[in-house]
Amino acid sequence: MAGGNLNDDSLNTLLNSTEVNSIILLEDIDAIFHGRESVSDGRRGNEGGPRVTFSGLLNALDGVRSQEGRILIMTTNHKDKLDPALLRPGRADRCIELGNAKESQLKGLFKKFFPDSTQE
């Protein structure tokens, strides 16, 4: 949503308006909340109105109004900072750690993005 006006209702509306078989990405989920309190980015104060609450996020993910038939991917660099309620089965069915790429993988990615390069 433009303008940073996302709140519990608009998050729920956005997630529920995606088509079936959609993939939804919530990147850096650890940066949204500290514990169960919303993180402020310094531009938002009380004058900005309601924001997404931790309870609102959980309800959007698997509450009574949530939709099924979608894949939700949450990324984090700090799994240890996530509230256990966010990781419980039904909300996070799988936790997959992606380590550093191997040299062969890096070369393959480089060739994919720069197919005309003569560098190895």
PDB file of N, CA and C in Angstrom:
ATOM      1  N   MET A   1       0.841  -1.190   0.000  1.00  0.00           N
ATOM      2  CA  MET A   1       0.000   0.000   0.000  1.00  0.00           C
ATOM      3  C   MET A   1       0.875   1.237   0.000  1.00  0.00           C
ATOM      4  N   ALA A   2       0.545   2.167  -0.804  1.00  0.00           N
ATOM      5  CA  ALA A   2       1.327   3.392  -0.918  1.00  0.00           C
ATOM      6  C   ALA A   2       1.122   4.276   0.298  1.00  0.00           C
ATOM      7  N   GLY A   3       2.169   5.027   0.648  1.00  0.00           N
ATOM      8  CA  GLY A   3       2.042   6.010   1.708  1.00  0.00           C
ATOM      9  C   GLY A   3       2.207   5.458   3.109  1.00  0.00           C
ATOM     10  N   GLY A   4       2.479   4.198   3.257  1.00  0.00           N
ATOM     11  CA  GLY A   4       2.684   3.638   4.593  1.00  0.00           C
ATOM     12  C   GLY A   4       1.427   3.599   5.431  1.00  0.00           C
ATOM     13  N   ASN A   5       0.269   3.475   4.814  1.00  0.00           N
ATOM     14  CA  ASN A   5      -0.998   3.476   5.548  1.00  0.00           C
ATOM     15  C   ASN A   5      -1.514   2.079   5.833  1.00  0.00           C
ATOM     16  N   LEU A   6      -0.637   1.110   5.902  1.00  0.00           N
ATOM     17  CA  LEU A   6      -1.061  -0.266   6.124  1.00  0.00           C
ATOM     18  C   LEU A   6      -1.487  -0.450   7.580  1.00  0.00           C
ATOM     19  N   ASN A   7      -2.670  -1.009   7.770  1.00  0.00           N
ATOM     20  CA  ASN A   7      -3.142  -1.341   9.109  1.00  0.00           C
ATOM     21  C   ASN A   7      -3.689  -2.763   9.076  1.00  0.00           C
ATOM     22  N   ASP A   8      -4.226  -3.219  10.196  1.00  0.00           N
ATOM     23  CA  ASP A   8      -4.698  -4.604  10.290  1.00  0.00           C
ATOM     24  C   ASP A   8      -5.730  -4.934   9.209  1.00  0.00           C
ATOM     25  N   ASP A   9      -6.691  -4.046   9.018  1.00  0.00           N
ATOM     26  CA  ASP A   9      -7.747  -4.314   8.026  1.00  0.00           C
ATOM     27  C   ASP A   9      -7.209  -4.316   6.603  1.00  0.00           C
ATOM     28  N   SER A  10      -6.343  -3.355   6.282  1.00  0.00           N
ATOM     29  CA  SER A  10      -5.823  -3.305   4.913  1.00  0.00           C
ATOM     30  C   SER A  10      -4.885  -4.477   4.636  1.00  0.00           C
ATOM     31  N   LEU A  11      -4.119  -4.925   5.634  1.00  0.00           N
ATOM     32  CA  LEU A  11      -3.280  -6.114   5.458  1.00  0.00           C
ATOM     33  C   LEU A  11      -4.156  -7.323   5.170  1.00  0.00           C
ATOM     34  N   ASN A  12      -5.200  -7.484   5.946  1.00  0.00           N
ATOM     35  CA  ASN A  12      -6.120  -8.602   5.749  1.00  0.00           C
ATOM     36  C   ASN A  12      -6.748  -8.534   4.362  1.00  0.00           C
ATOM     37  N   THR A  13      -7.160  -7.349   3.938  1.00  0.00           N
ATOM     38  CA  THR A  13      -7.753  -7.169   2.610  1.00  0.00           C
ATOM     39  C   THR A  13      -6.754  -7.531   1.517  1.00  0.00           C
ATOM     40  N   LEU A  14      -5.510  -7.055   1.652  1.00  0.00           N
ATOM     41  CA  LEU A  14      -4.488  -7.356   0.650  1.00  0.00           C
ATOM     42  C   LEU A  14      -4.221  -8.852   0.540  1.00  0.00           C
ATOM     43  N   LEU A  15      -4.047  -9.505   1.682  1.00  0.00           N
ATOM     44  CA  LEU A  15      -3.761 -10.944   1.654  1.00  0.00           C
ATOM     45  C   LEU A  15      -4.937 -11.741   1.117  1.00  0.00           C
ATOM     46  N   ASN A  16      -6.149 -11.322   1.458  1.00  0.00           N
ATOM     47  CA  ASN A  16      -7.332 -12.054   1.013  1.00  0.00           C
ATOM     48  C   ASN A  16      -7.727 -11.752  -0.423  1.00  0.00           C
ATOM     49  N   SER A  17      -7.174 -10.687  -0.995  1.00  0.00           N
ATOM     50  CA  SER A  17      -7.525 -10.355  -2.372  1.00  0.00           C
ATOM     51  C   SER A  17      -6.580 -11.004  -3.385  1.00  0.00           C
ATOM     52  N   THR A  18      -5.578 -11.719  -2.906  1.00  0.00           N
ATOM     53  CA  THR A  18      -4.698 -12.419  -3.840  1.00  0.00           C
ATOM     54  C   THR A  18      -5.425 -13.619  -4.418  1.00  0.00           C
ATOM     55  N   GLU A  19      -5.066 -13.955  -5.626  1.00  0.00           N
ATOM     56  CA  GLU A  19      -5.704 -15.087  -6.285  1.00  0.00           C
ATOM     57  C   GLU A  19      -5.256 -16.404  -5.656  1.00  0.00           C
ATOM     58  N   VAL A  20      -6.091 -17.409  -5.784  1.00  0.00           N
ATOM     59  CA  VAL A  20      -5.720 -18.748  -5.353  1.00  0.00           C
ATOM     60  C   VAL A  20      -4.485 -19.164  -6.140  1.00  0.00           C
ATOM     61  N   ASN A  21      -3.621 -19.920  -5.520  1.00  0.00           N
ATOM     62  CA  ASN A  21      -2.349 -20.369  -6.087  1.00  0.00           C
ATOM     63  C   ASN A  21      -1.328 -19.241  -6.208  1.00  0.00           C
ATOM     64  N   SER A  22      -1.515 -18.166  -5.446  1.00  0.00           N
ATOM     65  CA  SER A  22      -0.550 -17.076  -5.430  1.00  0.00           C
ATOM     66  C   SER A  22       0.574 -17.397  -4.449  1.00  0.00           C
ATOM     67  N   ILE A  23       1.699 -16.734  -4.654  1.00  0.00           N
ATOM     68  CA  ILE A  23       2.807 -16.789  -3.708  1.00  0.00           C
ATOM     69  C   ILE A  23       2.958 -15.388  -3.133  1.00  0.00           C
ATOM     70  N   ILE A  24       2.916 -15.290  -1.812  1.00  0.00           N
ATOM     71  CA  ILE A  24       3.023 -14.008  -1.114  1.00  0.00           C
ATOM     72  C   ILE A  24       4.343 -14.007  -0.360  1.00  0.00           C
ATOM     73  N   LEU A  25       5.100 -12.926  -0.489  1.00  0.00           N
ATOM     74  CA  LEU A  25       6.391 -12.816   0.170  1.00  0.00           C
ATOM     75  C   LEU A  25       6.345 -11.695   1.197  1.00  0.00           C
ATOM     76  N   LEU A  26       6.634 -12.041   2.456  1.00  0.00           N
ATOM     77  CA  LEU A  26       6.807 -11.051   3.515  1.00  0.00           C
ATOM     78  C   LEU A  26       8.288 -11.067   3.862  1.00  0.00           C
ATOM     79  N   GLU A  27       9.006 -10.086   3.364  1.00  0.00           N
ATOM     80  CA  GLU A  27      10.447 -10.063   3.498  1.00  0.00           C
ATOM     81  C   GLU A  27      10.855  -9.409   4.813  1.00  0.00           C
ATOM     82  N   ASP A  28      11.904  -9.942   5.427  1.00  0.00           N
ATOM     83  CA  ASP A  28      12.452  -9.409   6.686  1.00  0.00           C
ATOM     84  C   ASP A  28      11.373  -9.278   7.760  1.00  0.00           C
ATOM     85  N   ILE A  29      10.661 -10.350   7.993  1.00  0.00           N
ATOM     86  CA  ILE A  29       9.559 -10.350   8.962  1.00  0.00           C
ATOM     87  C   ILE A  29      10.036  -9.963  10.362  1.00  0.00           C
ATOM     88  N   ASP A  30      11.310 -10.213  10.656  1.00  0.00           N
ATOM     89  CA  ASP A  30      11.855  -9.858  11.970  1.00  0.00           C
ATOM     90  C   ASP A  30      11.936  -8.348  12.174  1.00  0.00           C
ATOM     91  N   ALA A  31      11.908  -7.564  11.105  1.00  0.00           N
ATOM     92  CA  ALA A  31      12.028  -6.108  11.216  1.00  0.00           C
ATOM     93  C   ALA A  31      10.686  -5.426  11.463  1.00  0.00           C
ATOM     94  N   ILE A  32       9.598  -6.175  11.398  1.00  0.00           N
ATOM     95  CA  ILE A  32       8.268  -5.573  11.567  1.00  0.00           C
ATOM     96  C   ILE A  32       7.917  -5.409  13.041  1.00  0.00           C
ATOM     97  N   PHE A  33       8.313  -6.376  13.852  1.00  0.00           N
ATOM     98  CA  PHE A  33       7.963  -6.355  15.271  1.00  0.00           C
ATOM     99  C   PHE A  33       9.174  -6.653  16.131  1.00  0.00           C
ATOM    100  N   HIS A  34       9.232  -6.028  17.285  1.00  0.00           N
ATOM    101  CA  HIS A  34      10.205  -6.366  18.322  1.00  0.00           C
ATOM    102  C   HIS A  34       9.384  -6.968  19.450  1.00  0.00           C
ATOM    103  N   GLY A  35       9.523  -8.280  19.629  1.00  0.00           N
ATOM    104  CA  GLY A  35       8.585  -8.966  20.513  1.00  0.00           C
ATOM    105  C   GLY A  35       7.231  -8.934  19.846  1.00  0.00           C
ATOM    106  N   ARG A  36       6.263  -8.390  20.532  1.00  0.00           N
ATOM    107  CA  ARG A  36       4.927  -8.254  19.939  1.00  0.00           C
ATOM    108  C   ARG A  36       4.555  -6.794  19.701  1.00  0.00           C
ATOM    109  N   GLU A  37       5.549  -5.926  19.798  1.00  0.00           N
ATOM    110  CA  GLU A  37       5.323  -4.499  19.588  1.00  0.00           C
ATOM    111  C   GLU A  37       5.773  -4.101  18.195  1.00  0.00           C
ATOM    112  N   SER A  38       4.992  -3.264  17.546  1.00  0.00           N
ATOM    113  CA  SER A  38       5.323  -2.783  16.208  1.00  0.00           C
ATOM    114  C   SER A  38       6.579  -1.929  16.256  1.00  0.00           C
ATOM    115  N   VAL A  39       7.424  -2.090  15.263  1.00  0.00           N
ATOM    116  CA  VAL A  39       8.652  -1.303  15.167  1.00  0.00           C
ATOM    117  C   VAL A  39       8.344  -0.018  14.417  1.00  0.00           C
ATOM    118  N   SER A  40       8.748   1.126  14.964  1.00  0.00           N
ATOM    119  CA  SER A  40       8.563   2.408  14.298  1.00  0.00           C
ATOM    120  C   SER A  40       9.831   2.742  13.536  1.00  0.00           C
ATOM    121  N   ASP A  41       9.673   3.289  12.343  1.00  0.00           N
ATOM    122  CA  ASP A  41      10.841   3.620  11.540  1.00  0.00           C
ATOM    123  C   ASP A  41      11.267   5.077  11.690  1.00  0.00           C
ATOM    124  N   GLY A  42      10.737   5.762  12.678  1.00  0.00           N
ATOM    125  CA  GLY A  42      11.115   7.150  12.903  1.00  0.00           C
ATOM    126  C   GLY A  42      10.240   8.144  12.167  1.00  0.00           C
ATOM    127  N   ARG A  43       9.566   7.738  11.116  1.00  0.00           N
ATOM    128  CA  ARG A  43       8.685   8.637  10.366  1.00  0.00           C
ATOM    129  C   ARG A  43       7.256   8.524  10.865  1.00  0.00           C
ATOM    130  N   ARG A  44       6.985   7.485  11.605  1.00  0.00           N
ATOM    131  CA  ARG A  44       5.615   7.233  12.025  1.00  0.00           C
ATOM    132  C   ARG A  44       5.471   7.528  13.506  1.00  0.00           C
ATOM    133  N   GLY A  45       4.546   8.333  13.825  1.00  0.00           N
ATOM    134  CA  GLY A  45       4.233   8.583  15.220  1.00  0.00           C
ATOM    135  C   GLY A  45       2.777   8.270  15.451  1.00  0.00           C
ATOM    136  N   ASN A  46       2.240   8.723  16.562  1.00  0.00           N
ATOM    137  CA  ASN A  46       0.826   8.483  16.844  1.00  0.00           C
ATOM    138  C   ASN A  46      -0.072   9.185  15.842  1.00  0.00           C
ATOM    139  N   GLU A  47       0.462  10.286  15.210  1.00  0.00           N
ATOM    140  CA  GLU A  47      -0.356  11.014  14.251  1.00  0.00           C
ATOM    141  C   GLU A  47      -0.657  10.205  12.998  1.00  0.00           C
ATOM    142  N   GLY A  48       0.101   9.135  12.762  1.00  0.00           N
ATOM    143  CA  GLY A  48      -0.079   8.326  11.565  1.00  0.00           C
ATOM    144  C   GLY A  48      -1.262   7.395  11.623  1.00  0.00           C
ATOM    145  N   GLY A  49      -1.903   7.285  12.768  1.00  0.00           N
ATOM    146  CA  GLY A  49      -3.054   6.411  12.883  1.00  0.00           C
ATOM    147  C   GLY A  49      -2.652   4.970  13.148  1.00  0.00           C
ATOM    148  N   PRO A  50      -3.608   4.049  13.066  1.00  0.00           N
ATOM    149  CA  PRO A  50      -3.337   2.655  13.405  1.00  0.00           C
ATOM    150  C   PRO A  50      -2.363   2.004  12.436  1.00  0.00           C
ATOM    151  N   ARG A  51      -1.579   1.097  12.933  1.00  0.00           N
ATOM    152  CA  ARG A  51      -0.623   0.336  12.142  1.00  0.00           C
ATOM    153  C   ARG A  51      -0.956  -1.146  12.292  1.00  0.00           C
ATOM    154  N   VAL A  52      -0.197  -1.963  11.599  1.00  0.00           N
ATOM    155  CA  VAL A  52      -0.381  -3.406  11.723  1.00  0.00           C
ATOM    156  C   VAL A  52       0.093  -3.830  13.108  1.00  0.00           C
ATOM    157  N   THR A  53      -0.763  -4.545  13.819  1.00  0.00           N
ATOM    158  CA  THR A  53      -0.406  -5.076  15.130  1.00  0.00           C
ATOM    159  C   THR A  53       0.033  -6.526  14.976  1.00  0.00           C
ATOM    160  N   PHE A  54       0.712  -7.045  15.982  1.00  0.00           N
ATOM    161  CA  PHE A  54       1.140  -8.438  15.928  1.00  0.00           C
ATOM    162  C   PHE A  54      -0.075  -9.350  15.842  1.00  0.00           C
ATOM    163  N   SER A  55      -1.082  -9.057  16.628  1.00  0.00           N
ATOM    164  CA  SER A  55      -2.322  -9.841  16.583  1.00  0.00           C
ATOM    165  C   SER A  55      -2.975  -9.753  15.207  1.00  0.00           C
ATOM    166  N   GLY A  56      -2.950  -8.559  14.611  1.00  0.00           N
ATOM    167  CA  GLY A  56      -3.513  -8.384  13.275  1.00  0.00           C
ATOM    168  C   GLY A  56      -2.773  -9.193  12.232  1.00  0.00           C
ATOM    169  N   LEU A  57      -1.435  -9.251  12.350  1.00  0.00           N
ATOM    170  CA  LEU A  57      -0.644 -10.063  11.422  1.00  0.00           C
ATOM    171  C   LEU A  57      -0.997 -11.534  11.565  1.00  0.00           C
ATOM    172  N   LEU A  58      -1.060 -12.023  12.804  1.00  0.00           N
ATOM    173  CA  LEU A  58      -1.393 -13.435  13.018  1.00  0.00           C
ATOM    174  C   LEU A  58      -2.781 -13.758  12.486  1.00  0.00           C
ATOM    175  N   ASN A  59      -3.732 -12.881  12.714  1.00  0.00           N
ATOM    176  CA  ASN A  59      -5.094 -13.112  12.209  1.00  0.00           C
ATOM    177  C   ASN A  59      -5.140 -13.086  10.690  1.00  0.00           C
ATOM    178  N   ALA A  60      -4.337 -12.214  10.066  1.00  0.00           N
ATOM    179  CA  ALA A  60      -4.302 -12.158   8.601  1.00  0.00           C
ATOM    180  C   ALA A  60      -3.710 -13.446   8.034  1.00  0.00           C
ATOM    181  N   LEU A  61      -2.759 -14.025   8.766  1.00  0.00           N
ATOM    182  CA  LEU A  61      -2.110 -15.246   8.280  1.00  0.00           C
ATOM    183  C   LEU A  61      -2.994 -16.470   8.411  1.00  0.00           C
ATOM    184  N   ASP A  62      -3.691 -16.608   9.541  1.00  0.00           N
ATOM    185  CA  ASP A  62      -4.496 -17.828   9.704  1.00  0.00           C
ATOM    186  C   ASP A  62      -5.724 -17.637  10.572  1.00  0.00           C
ATOM    187  N   GLY A  63      -6.255 -16.425  10.621  1.00  0.00           N
ATOM    188  CA  GLY A  63      -7.474 -16.173  11.383  1.00  0.00           C
ATOM    189  C   GLY A  63      -8.711 -16.618  10.629  1.00  0.00           C
ATOM    190  N   VAL A  64      -9.873 -16.330  11.187  1.00  0.00           N
ATOM    191  CA  VAL A  64     -11.121 -16.784  10.589  1.00  0.00           C
ATOM    192  C   VAL A  64     -11.367 -16.146   9.219  1.00  0.00           C
ATOM    193  N   ARG A  65     -10.797 -14.962   8.976  1.00  0.00           N
ATOM    194  CA  ARG A  65     -10.991 -14.291   7.685  1.00  0.00           C
ATOM    195  C   ARG A  65      -9.905 -14.649   6.674  1.00  0.00           C
ATOM    196  N   SER A  66      -8.917 -15.429   7.081  1.00  0.00           N
ATOM    197  CA  SER A  66      -7.807 -15.732   6.167  1.00  0.00           C
ATOM    198  C   SER A  66      -8.258 -16.694   5.075  1.00  0.00           C
ATOM    199  N   GLN A  67      -7.552 -16.632   3.965  1.00  0.00           N
ATOM    200  CA  GLN A  67      -7.854 -17.470   2.810  1.00  0.00           C
ATOM    201  C   GLN A  67      -6.845 -18.601   2.701  1.00  0.00           C
ATOM    202  N   GLU A  68      -7.258 -19.712   2.129  1.00  0.00           N
ATOM    203  CA  GLU A  68      -6.350 -20.827   1.885  1.00  0.00           C
ATOM    204  C   GLU A  68      -6.026 -20.886   0.406  1.00  0.00           C
ATOM    205  N   GLY A  69      -5.118 -21.778   0.039  1.00  0.00           N
ATOM    206  CA  GLY A  69      -4.777 -21.945  -1.359  1.00  0.00           C
ATOM    207  C   GLY A  69      -3.699 -20.989  -1.833  1.00  0.00           C
ATOM    208  N   ARG A  70      -2.939 -20.446  -0.884  1.00  0.00           N
ATOM    209  CA  ARG A  70      -1.843 -19.544  -1.206  1.00  0.00           C
ATOM    210  C   ARG A  70      -0.591 -20.002  -0.480  1.00  0.00           C
ATOM    211  N   ILE A  71       0.545 -19.683  -1.050  1.00  0.00           N
ATOM    212  CA  ILE A  71       1.810 -19.989  -0.388  1.00  0.00           C
ATOM    213  C   ILE A  71       2.354 -18.684   0.166  1.00  0.00           C
ATOM    214  N   LEU A  72       2.649 -18.680   1.444  1.00  0.00           N
ATOM    215  CA  LEU A  72       3.210 -17.499   2.097  1.00  0.00           C
ATOM    216  C   LEU A  72       4.653 -17.801   2.472  1.00  0.00           C
ATOM    217  N   ILE A  73       5.555 -16.945   2.018  1.00  0.00           N
ATOM    218  CA  ILE A  73       6.971 -17.090   2.351  1.00  0.00           C
ATOM    219  C   ILE A  73       7.369 -15.897   3.190  1.00  0.00           C
ATOM    220  N   MET A  74       7.954 -16.173   4.354  1.00  0.00           N
ATOM    221  CA  MET A  74       8.482 -15.127   5.220  1.00  0.00           C
ATOM    222  C   MET A  74       9.986 -15.299   5.279  1.00  0.00           C
ATOM    223  N   THR A  75      10.720 -14.208   5.100  1.00  0.00           N
ATOM    224  CA  THR A  75      12.173 -14.281   5.199  1.00  0.00           C
ATOM    225  C   THR A  75      12.641 -13.554   6.450  1.00  0.00           C
ATOM    226  N   THR A  76      13.782 -13.987   6.958  1.00  0.00           N
ATOM    227  CA  THR A  76      14.401 -13.337   8.108  1.00  0.00           C
ATOM    228  C   THR A  76      15.879 -13.660   8.125  1.00  0.00           C
ATOM    229  N   ASN A  77      16.651 -12.771   8.658  1.00  0.00           N
ATOM    230  CA  ASN A  77      18.053 -13.041   8.929  1.00  0.00           C
ATOM    231  C   ASN A  77      18.254 -13.390  10.396  1.00  0.00           C
ATOM    232  N   HIS A  78      17.163 -13.306  11.184  1.00  0.00           N
ATOM    233  CA  HIS A  78      17.261 -13.502  12.629  1.00  0.00           C
ATOM    234  C   HIS A  78      16.080 -14.330  13.131  1.00  0.00           C
ATOM    235  N   LYS A  79      16.077 -15.609  12.844  1.00  0.00           N
ATOM    236  CA  LYS A  79      14.975 -16.478  13.274  1.00  0.00           C
ATOM    237  C   LYS A  79      14.792 -16.449  14.790  1.00  0.00           C
ATOM    238  N   ASP A  80      15.902 -16.293  15.506  1.00  0.00           N
ATOM    239  CA  ASP A  80      15.851 -16.278  16.969  1.00  0.00           C
ATOM    240  C   ASP A  80      15.080 -15.071  17.516  1.00  0.00           C
ATOM    241  N   LYS A  81      14.878 -14.045  16.713  1.00  0.00           N
ATOM    242  CA  LYS A  81      14.146 -12.857  17.156  1.00  0.00           C
ATOM    243  C   LYS A  81      12.642 -12.964  16.918  1.00  0.00           C
ATOM    244  N   LEU A  82      12.213 -14.019  16.238  1.00  0.00           N
ATOM    245  CA  LEU A  82      10.789 -14.162  15.914  1.00  0.00           C
ATOM    246  C   LEU A  82      10.018 -14.734  17.088  1.00  0.00           C
ATOM    247  N   ASP A  83       8.836 -14.226  17.291  1.00  0.00           N
ATOM    248  CA  ASP A  83       7.958 -14.728  18.338  1.00  0.00           C
ATOM    249  C   ASP A  83       7.538 -16.154  17.988  1.00  0.00           C
ATOM    250  N   PRO A  84       7.568 -17.074  18.947  1.00  0.00           N
ATOM    251  CA  PRO A  84       7.168 -18.463  18.669  1.00  0.00           C
ATOM    252  C   PRO A  84       5.762 -18.601  18.090  1.00  0.00           C
ATOM    253  N   ALA A  85       4.877 -17.661  18.397  1.00  0.00           N
ATOM    254  CA  ALA A  85       3.510 -17.717  17.854  1.00  0.00           C
ATOM    255  C   ALA A  85       3.512 -17.581  16.332  1.00  0.00           C
ATOM    256  N   LEU A  86       4.496 -16.877  15.808  1.00  0.00           N
ATOM    257  CA  LEU A  86       4.589 -16.698  14.358  1.00  0.00           C
ATOM    258  C   LEU A  86       5.079 -17.962  13.668  1.00  0.00           C
ATOM    259  N   LEU A  87       5.816 -18.788  14.396  1.00  0.00           N
ATOM    260  CA  LEU A  87       6.432 -19.979  13.812  1.00  0.00           C
ATOM    261  C   LEU A  87       5.675 -21.274  14.088  1.00  0.00           C
ATOM    262  N   ARG A  88       4.565 -21.187  14.757  1.00  0.00           N
ATOM    263  CA  ARG A  88       3.861 -22.424  15.108  1.00  0.00           C
ATOM    264  C   ARG A  88       3.308 -23.109  13.861  1.00  0.00           C
ATOM    265  N   PRO A  89       3.157 -24.437  13.906  1.00  0.00           N
ATOM    266  CA  PRO A  89       2.585 -25.162  12.757  1.00  0.00           C
ATOM    267  C   PRO A  89       1.224 -24.575  12.371  1.00  0.00           C
ATOM    268  N   GLY A  90       1.014 -24.437  11.088  1.00  0.00           N
ATOM    269  CA  GLY A  90      -0.195 -23.800  10.578  1.00  0.00           C
ATOM    270  C   GLY A  90       0.104 -22.406  10.075  1.00  0.00           C
ATOM    271  N   ARG A  91       1.053 -21.753  10.725  1.00  0.00           N
ATOM    272  CA  ARG A  91       1.515 -20.445  10.234  1.00  0.00           C
ATOM    273  C   ARG A  91       2.816 -20.611   9.488  1.00  0.00           C
ATOM    274  N   ALA A  92       3.696 -21.392  10.039  1.00  0.00           N
ATOM    275  CA  ALA A  92       4.979 -21.677   9.384  1.00  0.00           C
ATOM    276  C   ALA A  92       5.125 -23.194   9.352  1.00  0.00           C
ATOM    277  N   ASP A  93       4.721 -23.781   8.259  1.00  0.00           N
ATOM    278  CA  ASP A  93       4.757 -25.232   8.153  1.00  0.00           C
ATOM    279  C   ASP A  93       6.172 -25.763   7.952  1.00  0.00           C
ATOM    280  N   ARG A  94       7.028 -24.935   7.367  1.00  0.00           N
ATOM    281  CA  ARG A  94       8.415 -25.354   7.126  1.00  0.00           C
ATOM    282  C   ARG A  94       9.345 -24.188   7.375  1.00  0.00           C
ATOM    283  N   CYS A  95      10.454 -24.482   7.993  1.00  0.00           N
ATOM    284  CA  CYS A  95      11.525 -23.500   8.160  1.00  0.00           C
ATOM    285  C   CYS A  95      12.729 -24.042   7.409  1.00  0.00           C
ATOM    286  N   ILE A  96      13.174 -23.297   6.437  1.00  0.00           N
ATOM    287  CA  ILE A  96      14.282 -23.728   5.587  1.00  0.00           C
ATOM    288  C   ILE A  96      15.395 -22.707   5.696  1.00  0.00           C
ATOM    289  N   GLU A  97      16.568 -23.172   6.095  1.00  0.00           N
ATOM    290  CA  GLU A  97      17.717 -22.274   6.178  1.00  0.00           C
ATOM    291  C   GLU A  97      18.478 -22.323   4.859  1.00  0.00           C
ATOM    292  N   LEU A  98      18.705 -21.156   4.299  1.00  0.00           N
ATOM    293  CA  LEU A  98      19.485 -21.051   3.077  1.00  0.00           C
ATOM    294  C   LEU A  98      20.868 -20.550   3.466  1.00  0.00           C
ATOM    295  N   GLY A  99      21.852 -21.401   3.306  1.00  0.00           N
ATOM    296  CA  GLY A  99      23.222 -21.020   3.634  1.00  0.00           C
ATOM    297  C   GLY A  99      23.862 -20.271   2.479  1.00  0.00           C
ATOM    298  N   ASN A 100      25.154 -20.108   2.578  1.00  0.00           N
ATOM    299  CA  ASN A 100      25.895 -19.441   1.512  1.00  0.00           C
ATOM    300  C   ASN A 100      25.921 -20.318   0.268  1.00  0.00           C
ATOM    301  N   ALA A 101      25.911 -19.670  -0.877  1.00  0.00           N
ATOM    302  CA  ALA A 101      25.960 -20.394  -2.146  1.00  0.00           C
ATOM    303  C   ALA A 101      27.346 -21.009  -2.340  1.00  0.00           C
ATOM    304  N   LYS A 102      27.367 -22.168  -2.983  1.00  0.00           N
ATOM    305  CA  LYS A 102      28.632 -22.811  -3.337  1.00  0.00           C
ATOM    306  C   LYS A 102      29.216 -22.092  -4.553  1.00  0.00           C
ATOM    307  N   GLU A 103      30.510 -22.285  -4.769  1.00  0.00           N
ATOM    308  CA  GLU A 103      31.171 -21.619  -5.887  1.00  0.00           C
ATOM    309  C   GLU A 103      30.512 -21.977  -7.218  1.00  0.00           C
ATOM    310  N   SER A 104      30.136 -23.239  -7.388  1.00  0.00           N
ATOM    311  CA  SER A 104      29.498 -23.653  -8.644  1.00  0.00           C
ATOM    312  C   SER A 104      28.145 -22.956  -8.824  1.00  0.00           C
ATOM    313  N   GLN A 105      27.416 -22.740  -7.734  1.00  0.00           N
ATOM    314  CA  GLN A 105      26.138 -22.045  -7.809  1.00  0.00           C
ATOM    315  C   GLN A 105      26.340 -20.575  -8.182  1.00  0.00           C
ATOM    316  N   LEU A 106      27.362 -19.952  -7.595  1.00  0.00           N
ATOM    317  CA  LEU A 106      27.654 -18.559  -7.910  1.00  0.00           C
ATOM    318  C   LEU A 106      28.013 -18.398  -9.383  1.00  0.00           C
ATOM    319  N   LYS A 107      28.826 -19.334  -9.891  1.00  0.00           N
ATOM    320  CA  LYS A 107      29.203 -19.276 -11.304  1.00  0.00           C
ATOM    321  C   LYS A 107      27.979 -19.448 -12.197  1.00  0.00           C
ATOM    322  N   GLY A 108      27.086 -20.365 -11.821  1.00  0.00           N
ATOM    323  CA  GLY A 108      25.872 -20.578 -12.595  1.00  0.00           C
ATOM    324  C   GLY A 108      24.982 -19.344 -12.612  1.00  0.00           C
ATOM    325  N   LEU A 109      24.852 -18.694 -11.469  1.00  0.00           N
ATOM    326  CA  LEU A 109      24.056 -17.464 -11.405  1.00  0.00           C
ATOM    327  C   LEU A 109      24.688 -16.362 -12.249  1.00  0.00           C
ATOM    328  N   PHE A 110      26.007 -16.234 -12.147  1.00  0.00           N
ATOM    329  CA  PHE A 110      26.703 -15.211 -12.924  1.00  0.00           C
ATOM    330  C   PHE A 110      26.470 -15.427 -14.417  1.00  0.00           C
ATOM    331  N   LYS A 111      26.597 -16.683 -14.861  1.00  0.00           N
ATOM    332  CA  LYS A 111      26.406 -16.984 -16.287  1.00  0.00           C
ATOM    333  C   LYS A 111      24.967 -16.739 -16.730  1.00  0.00           C
ATOM    334  N   LYS A 112      24.028 -16.970 -15.824  1.00  0.00           N
ATOM    335  CA  LYS A 112      22.626 -16.735 -16.158  1.00  0.00           C
ATOM    336  C   LYS A 112      22.351 -15.246 -16.381  1.00  0.00           C
ATOM    337  N   PHE A 113      22.939 -14.403 -15.532  1.00  0.00           N
ATOM    338  CA  PHE A 113      22.688 -12.970 -15.633  1.00  0.00           C
ATOM    339  C   PHE A 113      23.614 -12.271 -16.631  1.00  0.00           C
ATOM    340  N   PHE A 114      24.777 -12.854 -16.875  1.00  0.00           N
ATOM    341  CA  PHE A 114      25.743 -12.265 -17.800  1.00  0.00           C
ATOM    342  C   PHE A 114      26.201 -13.332 -18.800  1.00  0.00           C
ATOM    343  N   PRO A 115      25.296 -13.795 -19.664  1.00  0.00           N
ATOM    344  CA  PRO A 115      25.626 -14.901 -20.565  1.00  0.00           C
ATOM    345  C   PRO A 115      26.727 -14.576 -21.571  1.00  0.00           C
ATOM    346  N   ASP A 116      26.947 -13.316 -21.883  1.00  0.00           N
ATOM    347  CA  ASP A 116      27.966 -12.945 -22.861  1.00  0.00           C
ATOM    348  C   ASP A 116      29.326 -12.661 -22.226  1.00  0.00           C
ATOM    349  N   SER A 117      29.394 -12.783 -20.909  1.00  0.00           N
ATOM    350  CA  SER A 117      30.666 -12.492 -20.232  1.00  0.00           C
ATOM    351  C   SER A 117      31.687 -13.580 -20.512  1.00  0.00           C
ATOM    352  N   THR A 118      32.939 -13.150 -20.629  1.00  0.00           N
ATOM    353  CA  THR A 118      34.033 -14.109 -20.847  1.00  0.00           C
ATOM    354  C   THR A 118      34.713 -14.453 -19.522  1.00  0.00           C
ATOM    355  N   GLN A 119      34.267 -13.879 -18.438  1.00  0.00           N
ATOM    356  CA  GLN A 119      34.870 -14.158 -17.121  1.00  0.00           C
ATOM    357  C   GLN A 119      34.423 -15.516 -16.614  1.00  0.00           C
ATOM    358  N   GLU A 120      35.287 -16.168 -15.913  1.00  0.00           N
ATOM    359  CA  GLU A 120      34.967 -17.462 -15.289  1.00  0.00           C
ATOM    360  C   GLU A 120      34.620 -17.215 -13.886  1.00  0.00           C
TER     361      GLU A 120
END
